[in-house]
């Protein structure tokens, strides 16, 4: 089976939405659709894929901006870890604090469970719970790829100065839950360029004792 994977920056804060699909199944899922639902739907249509699920790495408003509209227009499911249910419910207020608009708060159809394996759109996703940026933050692994949300960035890590953030917990999640998945995994952050777990383990100053933490 051929897995389609595209990274599409979305929304005012340019969140990297991960599009995953299977030509054989004719279905797709989106990870962290931050906005631009029309563009996402046009791309799915061009690929000949039906959106069945949205699965989020965490619940910050910039990562869920298109969820309600996509659910309404496609009937897809929205899944997220229960630890971030409160962030989803408060998304409108948090967006307003940043001076940004936010539409209806999306309803959650299912809560993710740590270490479970999901079968969605013909793709197997492993849920890796990585709290620290948010309490319910997860990374989602498939084949030799992993969507790391705002847990890890190329050369940096997620901020922890927002409600529910904890730097010690974040570093522990990265070192003991994410990096052990293997150096060769390509990691796709919620913002900015992709990297690999091996590259970040060797050169990310937050992980090498470079004095930033």
Protein backbone atom coordinates (compact mmCIF):
# COMPACT_ATOMS: atom_id res chain seq x y z
CA UNK A 1 0.00 0.00 0.00
CA UNK A 2 1.24 3.47 -0.91
CA UNK A 3 0.86 6.08 1.83
CA UNK A 4 0.38 9.65 0.64
CA UNK A 5 1.98 12.20 2.96
CA UNK A 6 1.99 15.96 2.50
CA UNK A 7 2.85 18.80 4.87
CA UNK A 8 0.58 21.81 4.34
CA UNK A 9 1.09 25.01 6.40
CA UNK A 10 -2.31 26.29 7.54
CA UNK A 11 -3.87 29.16 9.43
CA UNK A 12 -2.50 32.52 10.59
CA UNK A 13 0.29 30.89 12.62
CA UNK A 14 1.26 28.53 9.76
CA UNK A 15 0.65 25.25 11.55
CA UNK A 16 2.00 22.28 9.61
CA UNK A 17 -1.05 20.18 8.84
CA UNK A 18 -0.08 16.59 7.96
CA UNK A 19 -2.20 15.02 5.23
CA UNK A 20 -2.07 11.21 5.23
CA UNK A 21 -3.97 9.09 2.79
CA UNK A 22 -4.22 5.82 0.93
CA UNK A 23 -5.04 5.67 -2.77
CA UNK A 24 -6.15 2.07 -2.33
CA UNK A 25 -8.63 3.01 0.40
CA UNK A 26 -9.58 6.34 -1.14
CA UNK A 27 -9.52 7.85 2.35
CA UNK A 28 -7.42 10.35 4.28
CA UNK A 29 -6.81 11.80 7.72
CA UNK A 30 -5.50 15.19 8.74
CA UNK A 31 -3.24 15.92 11.69
CA UNK A 32 -3.47 19.44 13.15
CA UNK A 33 -5.50 21.38 10.55
CA UNK A 34 -4.91 24.93 11.77
CA UNK A 35 -7.10 26.66 9.19
CA UNK A 36 -7.62 27.07 5.45
CA UNK A 37 -10.27 24.36 5.24
CA UNK A 38 -11.16 25.27 1.65
CA UNK A 39 -7.57 24.69 0.51
CA UNK A 40 -7.38 21.41 2.40
CA UNK A 41 -10.62 20.14 0.89
CA UNK A 42 -9.52 21.13 -2.61
CA UNK A 43 -6.28 19.23 -2.14
CA UNK A 44 -8.11 16.16 -0.87
CA UNK A 45 -10.47 16.34 -3.82
CA UNK A 46 -7.57 16.59 -6.25
CA UNK A 47 -6.00 13.51 -4.69
CA UNK A 48 -9.31 11.66 -4.86
CA UNK A 49 -9.43 11.11 -1.10
CA UNK A 50 -12.33 11.30 1.36
CA UNK A 51 -11.53 12.82 4.75
CA UNK A 52 -12.59 10.41 7.50
CA UNK A 53 -10.63 11.58 10.56
CA UNK A 54 -8.86 14.52 12.14
CA UNK A 55 -6.34 13.45 14.79
CA UNK A 56 -4.57 16.18 16.71
CA UNK A 57 -1.24 16.22 18.48
CA UNK A 58 -2.62 18.72 20.99
CA UNK A 59 -5.43 21.17 21.58
CA UNK A 60 -4.02 24.67 21.16
CA UNK A 61 -6.31 26.94 19.15
CA UNK A 62 -3.89 27.38 16.26
CA UNK A 63 -3.87 23.61 15.65
CA UNK A 64 -7.64 23.12 15.63
CA UNK A 65 -8.77 26.19 13.69
CA UNK A 66 -10.27 24.26 10.77
CA UNK A 67 -11.68 21.30 12.70
CA UNK A 68 -15.28 22.48 13.12
CA UNK A 69 -15.65 23.51 9.48
CA UNK A 70 -14.12 20.25 8.23
CA UNK A 71 -16.38 18.18 10.49
CA UNK A 72 -19.43 20.05 9.26
CA UNK A 73 -18.53 19.71 5.60
CA UNK A 74 -17.30 16.10 5.60
CA UNK A 75 -18.78 14.36 8.63
CA UNK A 76 -15.29 13.30 9.72
CA UNK A 77 -14.35 12.34 13.28
CA UNK A 78 -12.15 14.46 15.59
CA UNK A 79 -9.84 12.61 17.98
CA UNK A 80 -7.52 14.08 20.63
CA UNK A 81 -6.08 13.09 24.01
CA UNK A 82 -8.39 13.76 26.94
CA UNK A 83 -5.68 15.76 28.69
CA UNK A 84 -6.28 18.58 26.22
CA UNK A 85 -10.07 18.60 26.33
CA UNK A 86 -9.97 21.83 28.36
CA UNK A 87 -7.75 23.54 25.79
CA UNK A 88 -10.21 22.68 23.04
CA UNK A 89 -13.11 24.08 25.03
CA UNK A 90 -11.19 27.32 25.74
CA UNK A 91 -9.85 27.74 22.19
CA UNK A 92 -11.98 30.78 21.41
CA UNK A 93 -10.82 32.64 24.51
CA UNK A 94 -7.18 31.78 23.88
CA UNK A 95 -7.39 32.89 20.25
CA UNK A 96 -8.95 36.18 21.33
CA UNK A 97 -6.03 36.79 23.69
CA UNK A 98 -3.78 36.61 20.62
CA UNK A 99 -6.06 38.98 18.72
CA UNK A 100 -7.16 36.23 16.34
CA UNK A 101 -10.68 35.12 15.38
CA UNK A 102 -11.94 31.62 16.10
CA UNK A 103 -15.09 29.89 14.89
CA UNK A 104 -17.20 27.29 16.70
CA UNK A 105 -15.42 25.05 19.19
CA UNK A 106 -15.24 21.55 17.70
CA UNK A 107 -16.86 18.58 19.36
CA UNK A 108 -14.56 15.68 20.25
CA UNK A 109 -15.64 12.25 19.02
CA UNK A 110 -13.03 10.08 20.72
CA UNK A 111 -10.13 10.38 23.16
CA UNK A 112 -6.73 9.00 22.25
CA UNK A 113 -5.04 6.54 24.62
CA UNK A 114 -1.29 6.34 25.15
CA UNK A 115 0.46 3.54 23.24
CA UNK A 116 -2.64 2.51 21.31
CA UNK A 117 -2.43 1.70 17.61
CA UNK A 118 -5.06 3.25 15.38
CA UNK A 119 -6.21 1.90 12.04
CA UNK A 120 -7.39 4.95 10.10
CA UNK A 121 -7.71 5.45 6.34
CA UNK A 122 -5.72 2.28 5.78
CA UNK A 123 -2.81 3.58 7.87
CA UNK A 124 -1.56 2.32 11.24
CA UNK A 125 -0.79 5.15 13.66
CA UNK A 126 0.92 4.66 17.01
CA UNK A 127 -0.04 7.13 19.76
CA UNK A 128 2.93 8.27 21.87
CA UNK A 129 1.88 10.41 24.83
CA UNK A 130 4.42 13.24 25.23
CA UNK A 131 3.12 15.73 27.81
CA UNK A 132 5.05 18.90 28.55
CA UNK A 133 3.97 21.39 25.89
CA UNK A 134 0.42 20.51 26.90
CA UNK A 135 -0.91 17.84 29.30
CA UNK A 136 -2.47 15.82 26.49
CA UNK A 137 0.22 16.28 23.88
CA UNK A 138 0.90 13.23 21.71
CA UNK A 139 3.15 12.30 18.82
CA UNK A 140 1.75 10.13 16.04
CA UNK A 141 3.99 7.58 14.35
CA UNK A 142 3.43 5.76 11.07
CA UNK A 143 5.99 3.70 9.14
CA UNK A 144 9.30 5.64 9.43
CA UNK A 145 7.62 9.00 10.10
CA UNK A 146 6.32 10.76 13.19
CA UNK A 147 4.21 13.91 13.61
CA UNK A 148 5.60 15.56 16.72
CA UNK A 149 3.33 18.60 16.94
CA UNK A 150 4.85 21.27 19.18
CA UNK A 151 6.76 18.77 21.33
CA UNK A 152 9.94 19.02 19.26
CA UNK A 153 11.18 21.40 16.57
CA UNK A 154 14.23 21.41 14.31
CA UNK A 155 16.81 22.83 16.70
CA UNK A 156 14.37 23.61 19.50
CA UNK A 157 11.50 22.32 21.65
CA UNK A 158 7.97 23.43 22.37
CA UNK A 159 7.30 26.35 24.66
CA UNK A 160 6.17 25.56 28.19
CA UNK A 161 5.15 28.99 29.46
CA UNK A 162 1.51 28.49 28.50
CA UNK A 163 -1.09 26.95 30.85
CA UNK A 164 -0.36 23.26 31.42
CA UNK A 165 3.20 23.51 30.15
CA UNK A 166 6.12 21.98 32.05
CA UNK A 167 9.70 22.05 30.73
CA UNK A 168 11.01 19.22 32.90
CA UNK A 169 8.12 17.03 31.78
CA UNK A 170 8.63 18.00 28.13
CA UNK A 171 12.33 17.09 28.12
CA UNK A 172 11.52 13.81 29.86
CA UNK A 173 8.89 13.03 27.22
CA UNK A 174 11.34 13.73 24.39
CA UNK A 175 14.26 11.83 25.91
CA UNK A 176 12.36 8.80 27.21
CA UNK A 177 9.35 8.44 24.92
CA UNK A 178 10.15 10.08 21.60
CA UNK A 179 13.87 9.61 20.91
CA UNK A 180 13.81 5.86 21.72
CA UNK A 181 11.56 5.37 18.66
CA UNK A 182 14.73 5.42 16.57
CA UNK A 183 17.26 7.79 14.99
CA UNK A 184 16.05 7.18 11.45
CA UNK A 185 12.51 8.40 12.01
CA UNK A 186 11.67 11.55 10.08
CA UNK A 187 9.93 13.98 12.43
CA UNK A 188 7.43 16.59 11.29
CA UNK A 189 6.89 19.45 13.77
CA UNK A 190 3.82 21.62 14.09
CA UNK A 191 5.77 24.61 12.79
CA UNK A 192 8.88 24.97 10.69
CA UNK A 193 11.00 22.42 8.80
CA UNK A 194 11.07 18.67 9.25
CA UNK A 195 14.07 16.88 10.72
CA UNK A 196 14.96 13.42 12.03
CA UNK A 197 15.07 12.14 15.58
CA UNK A 198 18.74 11.26 15.16
CA UNK A 199 19.65 14.74 13.98
CA UNK A 200 17.83 16.33 16.90
CA UNK A 201 19.42 13.95 19.40
CA UNK A 202 22.88 14.90 18.11
CA UNK A 203 22.48 18.65 17.59
CA UNK A 204 19.43 20.09 19.35
CA UNK A 205 20.86 22.25 22.17
CA UNK A 206 17.89 21.49 24.44
CA UNK A 207 18.75 17.79 24.24
CA UNK A 208 22.55 17.84 24.23
CA UNK A 209 23.18 19.83 27.41
CA UNK A 210 24.07 22.93 25.45
CA UNK A 211 23.19 25.21 28.31
CA UNK A 212 19.68 26.19 27.19
CA UNK A 213 18.00 23.96 29.76
